[in-house]
Amino acid sequence: MGRLLLLITLIAAGAIFYYLVMFLHSDMPDGRYPVAFLLIPVLIGAGIFFMIVSLILKACRVPVWREDSDADQPPPKWPDQEEFMHRKIAERKGK
Protein backbone atom coordinates (compact mmCIF):
# COMPACT_ATOMS: atom_id res chain seq x y z
CA MET A 1 0.00 0.00 0.00
CA GLY A 2 2.90 2.35 0.74
CA ARG A 3 4.29 2.07 -2.77
CA LEU A 4 0.89 2.82 -4.25
CA LEU A 5 0.50 5.85 -1.97
CA LEU A 6 3.95 7.10 -2.97
CA LEU A 7 3.16 6.63 -6.66
CA ILE A 8 -0.17 8.46 -6.32
CA THR A 9 1.54 11.28 -4.43
CA LEU A 10 4.25 11.68 -7.08
CA ILE A 11 1.73 11.64 -9.95
CA ALA A 12 -0.48 14.18 -8.17
CA ALA A 13 2.51 16.42 -7.41
CA GLY A 14 3.59 16.27 -11.06
CA ALA A 15 0.08 17.10 -12.24
CA ILE A 16 -0.19 20.03 -9.81
CA PHE A 17 3.21 21.35 -10.88
CA TYR A 18 2.18 21.12 -14.55
CA TYR A 19 -1.09 22.90 -13.79
CA LEU A 20 0.74 25.67 -11.90
CA VAL A 21 3.22 26.26 -14.69
CA MET A 22 0.82 26.02 -17.63
CA PHE A 23 -2.32 27.71 -16.31
CA LEU A 24 -2.01 29.57 -13.02
CA HIS A 25 1.32 31.27 -13.62
CA SER A 26 0.84 31.87 -17.32
CA ASP A 27 0.06 35.53 -16.62
CA MET A 28 3.33 36.09 -14.74
CA PRO A 29 5.54 38.76 -16.25
CA ASP A 30 8.11 37.62 -18.75
CA GLY A 31 11.41 36.64 -17.29
CA ARG A 32 13.36 33.72 -16.03
CA TYR A 33 12.16 32.06 -12.86
CA PRO A 34 13.99 29.33 -11.01
CA VAL A 35 12.15 26.03 -11.06
CA ALA A 36 12.43 25.86 -7.28
CA PHE A 37 10.22 28.97 -7.07
CA LEU A 38 7.31 26.85 -8.29
CA LEU A 39 8.43 23.37 -7.32
CA ILE A 40 9.24 23.74 -3.61
CA PRO A 41 5.65 24.59 -2.55
CA VAL A 42 4.39 21.62 -4.56
CA LEU A 43 6.92 19.27 -2.93
CA ILE A 44 6.07 20.55 0.54
CA GLY A 45 2.37 20.00 -0.17
CA ALA A 46 3.06 16.52 -1.53
CA GLY A 47 5.04 15.63 1.60
CA ILE A 48 2.28 16.87 3.87
CA PHE A 49 -0.33 14.99 1.82
CA PHE A 50 1.73 11.80 1.98
CA MET A 51 2.19 12.01 5.75
CA ILE A 52 -1.47 12.80 6.48
CA VAL A 53 -2.82 10.02 4.25
CA SER A 54 -0.23 7.62 5.65
CA LEU A 55 -1.30 8.44 9.23
CA ILE A 56 -4.99 8.14 8.35
CA LEU A 57 -4.43 4.73 6.76
CA LYS A 58 -2.39 3.61 9.75
CA ALA A 59 -5.16 4.79 12.12
CA CYS A 60 -7.64 2.73 10.09
CA ARG A 61 -5.31 -0.27 10.51
CA VAL A 62 -4.44 -0.44 6.84
CA PRO A 63 -0.84 -1.64 6.61
CA VAL A 64 1.05 1.07 4.79
CA TRP A 65 4.58 -0.09 5.58
CA ARG A 66 5.68 -3.60 6.45
CA GLU A 67 7.16 -4.15 9.91
CA ASP A 68 10.86 -5.01 10.09
CA SER A 69 11.72 -8.64 10.70
CA ASP A 70 14.82 -10.77 11.09
CA ALA A 71 14.36 -12.00 7.53
CA ASP A 72 15.14 -8.47 6.31
CA GLN A 73 18.81 -8.80 7.24
CA PRO A 74 21.15 -8.65 4.25
CA PRO A 75 22.58 -11.99 3.13
CA PRO A 76 26.05 -12.86 4.35
CA LYS A 77 28.85 -11.47 2.22
CA TRP A 78 30.57 -13.78 -0.18
CA PRO A 79 34.19 -14.34 0.72
CA ASP A 80 36.56 -12.55 -1.58
CA GLN A 81 38.44 -14.67 -4.07
CA GLU A 82 41.78 -14.66 -2.23
CA GLU A 83 40.26 -15.80 1.05
CA PHE A 84 38.31 -18.47 -0.82
CA MET A 85 41.45 -19.80 -2.52
CA HIS A 86 43.39 -19.92 0.79
CA ARG A 87 40.57 -21.91 2.34
CA LYS A 88 40.48 -24.34 -0.60
CA ILE A 89 44.26 -24.86 -0.46
CA ALA A 90 44.11 -25.48 3.30
CA GLU A 91 41.33 -28.03 2.79
CA ARG A 92 43.35 -29.90 0.14
CA LYS A 93 46.46 -29.97 2.32
CA GLY A 94 44.42 -31.37 5.20
CA LYS A 95 43.22 -34.34 3.10
PDB file of N, CA and C in Angstrom:
ATOM      1  N   MET A   1       0.818  -1.192   0.000  1.00  0.00           N
ATOM      2  CA  MET A   1       0.000   0.000   0.000  1.00  0.00           C
ATOM      3  C   MET A   1       0.866   1.262   0.000  1.00  0.00           C
ATOM      4  N   GLY A   2       2.020   1.193   0.666  1.00  0.00           N
ATOM      5  CA  GLY A   2       2.903   2.351   0.742  1.00  0.00           C
ATOM      6  C   GLY A   2       3.447   2.757  -0.613  1.00  0.00           C
ATOM      7  N   ARG A   3       3.774   1.760  -1.433  1.00  0.00           N
ATOM      8  CA  ARG A   3       4.292   2.074  -2.772  1.00  0.00           C
ATOM      9  C   ARG A   3       3.220   2.730  -3.633  1.00  0.00           C
ATOM     10  N   LEU A   4       1.995   2.241  -3.497  1.00  0.00           N
ATOM     11  CA  LEU A   4       0.887   2.823  -4.250  1.00  0.00           C
ATOM     12  C   LEU A   4       0.635   4.265  -3.808  1.00  0.00           C
ATOM     13  N   LEU A   5       0.682   4.502  -2.499  1.00  0.00           N
ATOM     14  CA  LEU A   5       0.498   5.852  -1.969  1.00  0.00           C
ATOM     15  C   LEU A   5       1.608   6.777  -2.470  1.00  0.00           C
ATOM     16  N   LEU A   6       2.836   6.296  -2.462  1.00  0.00           N
ATOM     17  CA  LEU A   6       3.952   7.100  -2.967  1.00  0.00           C
ATOM     18  C   LEU A   6       3.778   7.409  -4.448  1.00  0.00           C
ATOM     19  N   LEU A   7       3.368   6.419  -5.222  1.00  0.00           N
ATOM     20  CA  LEU A   7       3.155   6.627  -6.659  1.00  0.00           C
ATOM     21  C   LEU A   7       2.039   7.641  -6.906  1.00  0.00           C
ATOM     22  N   ILE A   8       0.938   7.514  -6.172  1.00  0.00           N
ATOM     23  CA  ILE A   8      -0.173   8.461  -6.322  1.00  0.00           C
ATOM     24  C   ILE A   8       0.267   9.874  -5.946  1.00  0.00           C
ATOM     25  N   THR A   9       1.050   9.973  -4.863  1.00  0.00           N
ATOM     26  CA  THR A   9       1.539  11.284  -4.431  1.00  0.00           C
ATOM     27  C   THR A   9       2.430  11.914  -5.491  1.00  0.00           C
ATOM     28  N   LEU A  10       3.345  11.142  -6.055  1.00  0.00           N
ATOM     29  CA  LEU A  10       4.246  11.683  -7.084  1.00  0.00           C
ATOM     30  C   LEU A  10       3.498  12.097  -8.341  1.00  0.00           C
ATOM     31  N   ILE A  11       2.520  11.299  -8.757  1.00  0.00           N
ATOM     32  CA  ILE A  11       1.735  11.643  -9.947  1.00  0.00           C
ATOM     33  C   ILE A  11       0.915  12.910  -9.689  1.00  0.00           C
ATOM     34  N   ALA A  12       0.306  12.988  -8.503  1.00  0.00           N
ATOM     35  CA  ALA A  12      -0.484  14.179  -8.171  1.00  0.00           C
ATOM     36  C   ALA A  12       0.407  15.418  -8.102  1.00  0.00           C
ATOM     37  N   ALA A  13       1.598  15.285  -7.501  1.00  0.00           N
ATOM     38  CA  ALA A  13       2.515  16.423  -7.412  1.00  0.00           C
ATOM     39  C   ALA A  13       2.949  16.868  -8.810  1.00  0.00           C
ATOM     40  N   GLY A  14       3.225  15.930  -9.690  1.00  0.00           N
ATOM     41  CA  GLY A  14       3.590  16.268 -11.059  1.00  0.00           C
ATOM     42  C   GLY A  14       2.461  16.969 -11.793  1.00  0.00           C
ATOM     43  N   ALA A  15       1.235  16.482 -11.587  1.00  0.00           N
ATOM     44  CA  ALA A  15       0.083  17.102 -12.242  1.00  0.00           C
ATOM     45  C   ALA A  15      -0.154  18.516 -11.705  1.00  0.00           C
ATOM     46  N   ILE A  16      -0.006  18.697 -10.401  1.00  0.00           N
ATOM     47  CA  ILE A  16      -0.193  20.028  -9.810  1.00  0.00           C
ATOM     48  C   ILE A  16       0.887  20.993 -10.303  1.00  0.00           C
ATOM     49  N   PHE A  17       2.121  20.522 -10.375  1.00  0.00           N
ATOM     50  CA  PHE A  17       3.209  21.352 -10.881  1.00  0.00           C
ATOM     51  C   PHE A  17       2.943  21.762 -12.328  1.00  0.00           C
ATOM     52  N   TYR A  18       2.512  20.822 -13.151  1.00  0.00           N
ATOM     53  CA  TYR A  18       2.183  21.119 -14.545  1.00  0.00           C
ATOM     54  C   TYR A  18       1.066  22.154 -14.621  1.00  0.00           C
ATOM     55  N   TYR A  19       0.034  21.968 -13.797  1.00  0.00           N
ATOM     56  CA  TYR A  19      -1.086  22.900 -13.786  1.00  0.00           C
ATOM     57  C   TYR A  19      -0.623  24.291 -13.369  1.00  0.00           C
ATOM     58  N   LEU A  20       0.224  24.372 -12.348  1.00  0.00           N
ATOM     59  CA  LEU A  20       0.736  25.673 -11.903  1.00  0.00           C
ATOM     60  C   LEU A  20       1.499  26.382 -13.011  1.00  0.00           C
ATOM     61  N   VAL A  21       2.369  25.653 -13.664  1.00  0.00           N
ATOM     62  CA  VAL A  21       3.215  26.256 -14.694  1.00  0.00           C
ATOM     63  C   VAL A  21       2.401  26.652 -15.922  1.00  0.00           C
ATOM     64  N   MET A  22       1.505  25.786 -16.367  1.00  0.00           N
ATOM     65  CA  MET A  22       0.817  26.017 -17.628  1.00  0.00           C
ATOM     66  C   MET A  22      -0.381  26.970 -17.513  1.00  0.00           C
ATOM     67  N   PHE A  23      -1.063  26.957 -16.376  1.00  0.00           N
ATOM     68  CA  PHE A  23      -2.315  27.709 -16.310  1.00  0.00           C
ATOM     69  C   PHE A  23      -2.311  28.825 -15.272  1.00  0.00           C
ATOM     70  N   LEU A  24      -1.917  28.550 -14.054  1.00  0.00           N
ATOM     71  CA  LEU A  24      -2.008  29.574 -13.019  1.00  0.00           C
ATOM     72  C   LEU A  24      -0.966  30.663 -13.170  1.00  0.00           C
ATOM     73  N   HIS A  25       0.248  30.272 -13.515  1.00  0.00           N
ATOM     74  CA  HIS A  25       1.318  31.266 -13.619  1.00  0.00           C
ATOM     75  C   HIS A  25       1.589  31.686 -15.059  1.00  0.00           C
ATOM     76  N   SER A  26       0.630  31.464 -15.924  1.00  0.00           N
ATOM     77  CA  SER A  26       0.837  31.871 -17.317  1.00  0.00           C
ATOM     78  C   SER A  26       0.784  33.385 -17.475  1.00  0.00           C
ATOM     79  N   ASP A  27       0.147  34.073 -16.526  1.00  0.00           N
ATOM     80  CA  ASP A  27       0.058  35.529 -16.623  1.00  0.00           C
ATOM     81  C   ASP A  27       1.176  36.236 -15.856  1.00  0.00           C
ATOM     82  N   MET A  28       2.184  35.474 -15.405  1.00  0.00           N
ATOM     83  CA  MET A  28       3.329  36.090 -14.736  1.00  0.00           C
ATOM     84  C   MET A  28       4.118  36.904 -15.753  1.00  0.00           C
ATOM     85  N   PRO A  29       4.749  37.965 -15.310  1.00  0.00           N
ATOM     86  CA  PRO A  29       5.538  38.762 -16.254  1.00  0.00           C
ATOM     87  C   PRO A  29       6.662  37.938 -16.873  1.00  0.00           C
ATOM     88  N   ASP A  30       7.038  38.337 -18.071  1.00  0.00           N
ATOM     89  CA  ASP A  30       8.114  37.622 -18.748  1.00  0.00           C
ATOM     90  C   ASP A  30       9.392  37.711 -17.932  1.00  0.00           C
ATOM     91  N   GLY A  31      10.147  36.681 -18.012  1.00  0.00           N
ATOM     92  CA  GLY A  31      11.411  36.636 -17.288  1.00  0.00           C
ATOM     93  C   GLY A  31      11.782  35.190 -17.006  1.00  0.00           C
ATOM     94  N   ARG A  32      12.880  35.062 -16.365  1.00  0.00           N
ATOM     95  CA  ARG A  32      13.356  33.724 -16.028  1.00  0.00           C
ATOM     96  C   ARG A  32      13.107  33.502 -14.548  1.00  0.00           C
ATOM     97  N   TYR A  33      12.448  32.404 -14.239  1.00  0.00           N
ATOM     98  CA  TYR A  33      12.156  32.065 -12.863  1.00  0.00           C
ATOM     99  C   TYR A  33      12.824  30.733 -12.541  1.00  0.00           C
ATOM    100  N   PRO A  34      13.413  30.627 -11.379  1.00  0.00           N
ATOM    101  CA  PRO A  34      13.987  29.331 -11.015  1.00  0.00           C
ATOM    102  C   PRO A  34      12.863  28.304 -10.820  1.00  0.00           C
ATOM    103  N   VAL A  35      13.147  27.089 -11.188  1.00  0.00           N
ATOM    104  CA  VAL A  35      12.153  26.027 -11.064  1.00  0.00           C
ATOM    105  C   VAL A  35      11.759  25.845  -9.604  1.00  0.00           C
ATOM    106  N   ALA A  36      12.718  26.046  -8.707  1.00  0.00           N
ATOM    107  CA  ALA A  36      12.434  25.860  -7.282  1.00  0.00           C
ATOM    108  C   ALA A  36      11.358  26.820  -6.803  1.00  0.00           C
ATOM    109  N   PHE A  37      11.234  27.985  -7.432  1.00  0.00           N
ATOM    110  CA  PHE A  37      10.221  28.972  -7.069  1.00  0.00           C
ATOM    111  C   PHE A  37       8.823  28.367  -7.152  1.00  0.00           C
ATOM    112  N   LEU A  38       8.613  27.487  -8.117  1.00  0.00           N
ATOM    113  CA  LEU A  38       7.315  26.849  -8.294  1.00  0.00           C
ATOM    114  C   LEU A  38       7.270  25.434  -7.733  1.00  0.00           C
ATOM    115  N   LEU A  39       8.406  24.780  -7.698  1.00  0.00           N
ATOM    116  CA  LEU A  39       8.435  23.366  -7.324  1.00  0.00           C
ATOM    117  C   LEU A  39       8.444  23.133  -5.818  1.00  0.00           C
ATOM    118  N   ILE A  40       9.126  23.973  -5.056  1.00  0.00           N
ATOM    119  CA  ILE A  40       9.241  23.743  -3.613  1.00  0.00           C
ATOM    120  C   ILE A  40       7.870  23.735  -2.920  1.00  0.00           C
ATOM    121  N   PRO A  41       6.971  24.687  -3.200  1.00  0.00           N
ATOM    122  CA  PRO A  41       5.653  24.595  -2.553  1.00  0.00           C
ATOM    123  C   PRO A  41       4.899  23.311  -2.910  1.00  0.00           C
ATOM    124  N   VAL A  42       5.055  22.852  -4.144  1.00  0.00           N
ATOM    125  CA  VAL A  42       4.391  21.618  -4.562  1.00  0.00           C
ATOM    126  C   VAL A  42       4.980  20.429  -3.802  1.00  0.00           C
ATOM    127  N   LEU A  43       6.294  20.375  -3.659  1.00  0.00           N
ATOM    128  CA  LEU A  43       6.924  19.273  -2.932  1.00  0.00           C
ATOM    129  C   LEU A  43       6.552  19.284  -1.453  1.00  0.00           C
ATOM    130  N   ILE A  44       6.486  20.458  -0.860  1.00  0.00           N
ATOM    131  CA  ILE A  44       6.066  20.546   0.545  1.00  0.00           C
ATOM    132  C   ILE A  44       4.622  20.055   0.689  1.00  0.00           C
ATOM    133  N   GLY A  45       3.764  20.466  -0.209  1.00  0.00           N
ATOM    134  CA  GLY A  45       2.371  20.002  -0.173  1.00  0.00           C
ATOM    135  C   GLY A  45       2.265  18.499  -0.381  1.00  0.00           C
ATOM    136  N   ALA A  46       3.080  17.962  -1.289  1.00  0.00           N
ATOM    137  CA  ALA A  46       3.059  16.517  -1.529  1.00  0.00           C
ATOM    138  C   ALA A  46       3.530  15.759  -0.295  1.00  0.00           C
ATOM    139  N   GLY A  47       4.553  16.276   0.379  1.00  0.00           N
ATOM    140  CA  GLY A  47       5.038  15.628   1.595  1.00  0.00           C
ATOM    141  C   GLY A  47       4.003  15.640   2.700  1.00  0.00           C
ATOM    142  N   ILE A  48       3.323  16.774   2.864  1.00  0.00           N
ATOM    143  CA  ILE A  48       2.276  16.873   3.875  1.00  0.00           C
ATOM    144  C   ILE A  48       1.120  15.933   3.533  1.00  0.00           C
ATOM    145  N   PHE A  49       0.727  15.900   2.257  1.00  0.00           N
ATOM    146  CA  PHE A  49      -0.329  14.989   1.815  1.00  0.00           C
ATOM    147  C   PHE A  49       0.049  13.544   2.106  1.00  0.00           C
ATOM    148  N   PHE A  50       1.274  13.168   1.774  1.00  0.00           N
ATOM    149  CA  PHE A  50       1.728  11.797   1.984  1.00  0.00           C
ATOM    150  C   PHE A  50       1.682  11.421   3.458  1.00  0.00           C
ATOM    151  N   MET A  51       2.170  12.309   4.321  1.00  0.00           N
ATOM    152  CA  MET A  51       2.194  12.011   5.753  1.00  0.00           C
ATOM    153  C   MET A  51       0.784  11.914   6.328  1.00  0.00           C
ATOM    154  N   ILE A  52      -0.102  12.823   5.946  1.00  0.00           N
ATOM    155  CA  ILE A  52      -1.470  12.805   6.479  1.00  0.00           C
ATOM    156  C   ILE A  52      -2.209  11.541   6.037  1.00  0.00           C
ATOM    157  N   VAL A  53      -2.129  11.219   4.749  1.00  0.00           N
ATOM    158  CA  VAL A  53      -2.821  10.023   4.250  1.00  0.00           C
ATOM    159  C   VAL A  53      -2.209   8.773   4.870  1.00  0.00           C
ATOM    160  N   SER A  54      -0.896   8.761   5.031  1.00  0.00           N
ATOM    161  CA  SER A  54      -0.235   7.621   5.652  1.00  0.00           C
ATOM    162  C   SER A  54      -0.711   7.432   7.092  1.00  0.00           C
ATOM    163  N   LEU A  55      -0.825   8.531   7.843  1.00  0.00           N
ATOM    164  CA  LEU A  55      -1.302   8.440   9.227  1.00  0.00           C
ATOM    165  C   LEU A  55      -2.772   8.028   9.297  1.00  0.00           C
ATOM    166  N   ILE A  56      -3.580   8.528   8.378  1.00  0.00           N
ATOM    167  CA  ILE A  56      -4.992   8.142   8.345  1.00  0.00           C
ATOM    168  C   ILE A  56      -5.121   6.647   8.060  1.00  0.00           C
ATOM    169  N   LEU A  57      -4.373   6.159   7.082  1.00  0.00           N
ATOM    170  CA  LEU A  57      -4.433   4.731   6.765  1.00  0.00           C
ATOM    171  C   LEU A  57      -3.947   3.882   7.931  1.00  0.00           C
ATOM    172  N   LYS A  58      -2.897   4.348   8.602  1.00  0.00           N
ATOM    173  CA  LYS A  58      -2.387   3.608   9.752  1.00  0.00           C
ATOM    174  C   LYS A  58      -3.406   3.600  10.882  1.00  0.00           C
ATOM    175  N   ALA A  59      -4.121   4.724  11.089  1.00  0.00           N
ATOM    176  CA  ALA A  59      -5.159   4.788  12.121  1.00  0.00           C
ATOM    177  C   ALA A  59      -6.324   3.863  11.796  1.00  0.00           C
ATOM    178  N   CYS A  60      -6.578   3.645  10.521  1.00  0.00           N
ATOM    179  CA  CYS A  60      -7.644   2.725  10.092  1.00  0.00           C
ATOM    180  C   CYS A  60      -7.149   1.291  10.003  1.00  0.00           C
ATOM    181  N   ARG A  61      -5.947   1.058  10.479  1.00  0.00           N
ATOM    182  CA  ARG A  61      -5.314  -0.271  10.509  1.00  0.00           C
ATOM    183  C   ARG A  61      -5.087  -0.858   9.124  1.00  0.00           C
ATOM    184  N   VAL A  62      -4.845   0.009   8.171  1.00  0.00           N
ATOM    185  CA  VAL A  62      -4.443  -0.435   6.837  1.00  0.00           C
ATOM    186  C   VAL A  62      -2.917  -0.450   6.836  1.00  0.00           C
ATOM    187  N   PRO A  63      -2.311  -1.595   6.565  1.00  0.00           N
ATOM    188  CA  PRO A  63      -0.842  -1.643   6.608  1.00  0.00           C
ATOM    189  C   PRO A  63      -0.232  -0.844   5.456  1.00  0.00           C
ATOM    190  N   VAL A  64       0.417   0.239   5.804  1.00  0.00           N
ATOM    191  CA  VAL A  64       1.050   1.074   4.791  1.00  0.00           C
ATOM    192  C   VAL A  64       2.482   0.609   4.566  1.00  0.00           C
ATOM    193  N   TRP A  65       3.195   0.370   5.659  1.00  0.00           N
ATOM    194  CA  TRP A  65       4.578  -0.093   5.581  1.00  0.00           C
ATOM    195  C   TRP A  65       4.696  -1.396   6.354  1.00  0.00           C
ATOM    196  N   ARG A  66       5.463  -2.302   5.835  1.00  0.00           N
ATOM    197  CA  ARG A  66       5.683  -3.600   6.455  1.00  0.00           C
ATOM    198  C   ARG A  66       6.595  -3.436   7.660  1.00  0.00           C
ATOM    199  N   GLU A  67       6.314  -4.185   8.716  1.00  0.00           N
ATOM    200  CA  GLU A  67       7.157  -4.147   9.906  1.00  0.00           C
ATOM    201  C   GLU A  67       8.480  -4.845   9.614  1.00  0.00           C
ATOM    202  N   ASP A  68       9.551  -4.385  10.248  1.00  0.00           N
ATOM    203  CA  ASP A  68      10.855  -5.010  10.087  1.00  0.00           C
ATOM    204  C   ASP A  68      10.849  -6.395  10.723  1.00  0.00           C
ATOM    205  N   SER A  69      11.601  -7.303  10.132  1.00  0.00           N
ATOM    206  CA  SER A  69      11.722  -8.635  10.702  1.00  0.00           C
ATOM    207  C   SER A  69      13.168  -9.102  10.554  1.00  0.00           C
ATOM    208  N   ASP A  70      13.474 -10.229  11.177  1.00  0.00           N
ATOM    209  CA  ASP A  70      14.823 -10.765  11.086  1.00  0.00           C
ATOM    210  C   ASP A  70      15.153 -11.226   9.667  1.00  0.00           C
ATOM    211  N   ALA A  71      14.137 -11.558   8.905  1.00  0.00           N
ATOM    212  CA  ALA A  71      14.358 -12.003   7.527  1.00  0.00           C
ATOM    213  C   ALA A  71      14.835 -10.862   6.633  1.00  0.00           C
ATOM    214  N   ASP A  72      14.731  -9.619   7.111  1.00  0.00           N
ATOM    215  CA  ASP A  72      15.140  -8.469   6.315  1.00  0.00           C
ATOM    216  C   ASP A  72      16.644  -8.216   6.359  1.00  0.00           C
ATOM    217  N   GLN A  73      17.369  -8.997   7.133  1.00  0.00           N
ATOM    218  CA  GLN A  73      18.808  -8.796   7.240  1.00  0.00           C
ATOM    219  C   GLN A  73      19.464  -9.110   5.895  1.00  0.00           C
ATOM    220  N   PRO A  74      20.487  -8.369   5.529  1.00  0.00           N
ATOM    221  CA  PRO A  74      21.146  -8.653   4.252  1.00  0.00           C
ATOM    222  C   PRO A  74      21.815 -10.022   4.287  1.00  0.00           C
ATOM    223  N   PRO A  75      21.934 -10.674   3.152  1.00  0.00           N
ATOM    224  CA  PRO A  75      22.579 -11.990   3.132  1.00  0.00           C
ATOM    225  C   PRO A  75      24.052 -11.860   3.500  1.00  0.00           C
ATOM    226  N   PRO A  76      24.632 -12.941   3.990  1.00  0.00           N
ATOM    227  CA  PRO A  76      26.052 -12.859   4.346  1.00  0.00           C
ATOM    228  C   PRO A  76      26.900 -12.557   3.116  1.00  0.00           C
ATOM    229  N   LYS A  77      27.980 -11.849   3.330  1.00  0.00           N
ATOM    230  CA  LYS A  77      28.851 -11.471   2.220  1.00  0.00           C
ATOM    231  C   LYS A  77      29.576 -12.708   1.693  1.00  0.00           C
ATOM    232  N   TRP A  78      29.780 -12.719   0.421  1.00  0.00           N
ATOM    233  CA  TRP A  78      30.572 -13.782  -0.182  1.00  0.00           C
ATOM    234  C   TRP A  78      32.029 -13.512   0.157  1.00  0.00           C
ATOM    235  N   PRO A  79      32.769 -14.568   0.443  1.00  0.00           N
ATOM    236  CA  PRO A  79      34.194 -14.337   0.718  1.00  0.00           C
ATOM    237  C   PRO A  79      34.889 -13.863  -0.551  1.00  0.00           C
ATOM    238  N   ASP A  80      35.853 -12.996  -0.382  1.00  0.00           N
ATOM    239  CA  ASP A  80      36.556 -12.551  -1.576  1.00  0.00           C
ATOM    240  C   ASP A  80      37.406 -13.706  -2.117  1.00  0.00           C
ATOM    241  N   GLN A  81      37.799 -13.576  -3.336  1.00  0.00           N
ATOM    242  CA  GLN A  81      38.444 -14.669  -4.069  1.00  0.00           C
ATOM    243  C   GLN A  81      39.709 -15.157  -3.377  1.00  0.00           C
ATOM    244  N   GLU A  82      40.516 -14.249  -2.850  1.00  0.00           N
ATOM    245  CA  GLU A  82      41.777 -14.655  -2.228  1.00  0.00           C
ATOM    246  C   GLU A  82      41.514 -15.487  -0.975  1.00  0.00           C
ATOM    247  N   GLU A  83      40.587 -15.047  -0.155  1.00  0.00           N
ATOM    248  CA  GLU A  83      40.255 -15.800   1.054  1.00  0.00           C
ATOM    249  C   GLU A  83      39.705 -17.169   0.686  1.00  0.00           C
ATOM    250  N   PHE A  84      38.892 -17.204  -0.367  1.00  0.00           N
ATOM    251  CA  PHE A  84      38.311 -18.467  -0.822  1.00  0.00           C
ATOM    252  C   PHE A  84      39.404 -19.434  -1.278  1.00  0.00           C
ATOM    253  N   MET A  85      40.372 -18.934  -2.024  1.00  0.00           N
ATOM    254  CA  MET A  85      41.452 -19.797  -2.517  1.00  0.00           C
ATOM    255  C   MET A  85      42.306 -20.323  -1.359  1.00  0.00           C
ATOM    256  N   HIS A  86      42.609 -19.474  -0.365  1.00  0.00           N
ATOM    257  CA  HIS A  86      43.393 -19.924   0.786  1.00  0.00           C
ATOM    258  C   HIS A  86      42.651 -21.025   1.545  1.00  0.00           C
ATOM    259  N   ARG A  87      41.356 -20.890   1.656  1.00  0.00           N
ATOM    260  CA  ARG A  87      40.575 -21.910   2.344  1.00  0.00           C
ATOM    261  C   ARG A  87      40.590 -23.220   1.560  1.00  0.00           C
ATOM    262  N   LYS A  88      40.457 -23.133   0.239  1.00  0.00           N
ATOM    263  CA  LYS A  88      40.476 -24.343  -0.596  1.00  0.00           C
ATOM    264  C   LYS A  88      41.829 -25.037  -0.514  1.00  0.00           C
ATOM    265  N   ILE A  89      42.913 -24.264  -0.542  1.00  0.00           N
ATOM    266  CA  ILE A  89      44.261 -24.860  -0.461  1.00  0.00           C
ATOM    267  C   ILE A  89      44.451 -25.523   0.900  1.00  0.00           C
ATOM    268  N   ALA A  90      43.981 -24.893   1.956  1.00  0.00           N
ATOM    269  CA  ALA A  90      44.107 -25.476   3.297  1.00  0.00           C
ATOM    270  C   ALA A  90      43.290 -26.771   3.398  1.00  0.00           C
ATOM    271  N   GLU A  91      42.135 -26.818   2.778  1.00  0.00           N
ATOM    272  CA  GLU A  91      41.327 -28.030   2.787  1.00  0.00           C
ATOM    273  C   GLU A  91      42.029 -29.153   2.046  1.00  0.00           C
ATOM    274  N   ARG A  92      42.655 -28.858   0.926  1.00  0.00           N
ATOM    275  CA  ARG A  92      43.349 -29.899   0.140  1.00  0.00           C
ATOM    276  C   ARG A  92      44.571 -30.416   0.874  1.00  0.00           C
ATOM    277  N   LYS A  93      45.293 -29.527   1.576  1.00  0.00           N
ATOM    278  CA  LYS A  93      46.461 -29.974   2.321  1.00  0.00           C
ATOM    279  C   LYS A  93      46.055 -30.857   3.512  1.00  0.00           C
ATOM    280  N   GLY A  94      44.905 -30.585   4.051  1.00  0.00           N
ATOM    281  CA  GLY A  94      44.421 -31.370   5.197  1.00  0.00           C
ATOM    282  C   GLY A  94      43.990 -32.766   4.800  1.00  0.00           C
ATOM    283  N   LYS A  95      43.704 -33.020   3.557  1.00  0.00           N
ATOM    284  CA  LYS A  95      43.223 -34.344   3.105  1.00  0.00           C
ATOM    285  C   LYS A  95      44.336 -35.264   2.873  1.00  0.00           C
TER     286      LYS A  95
END
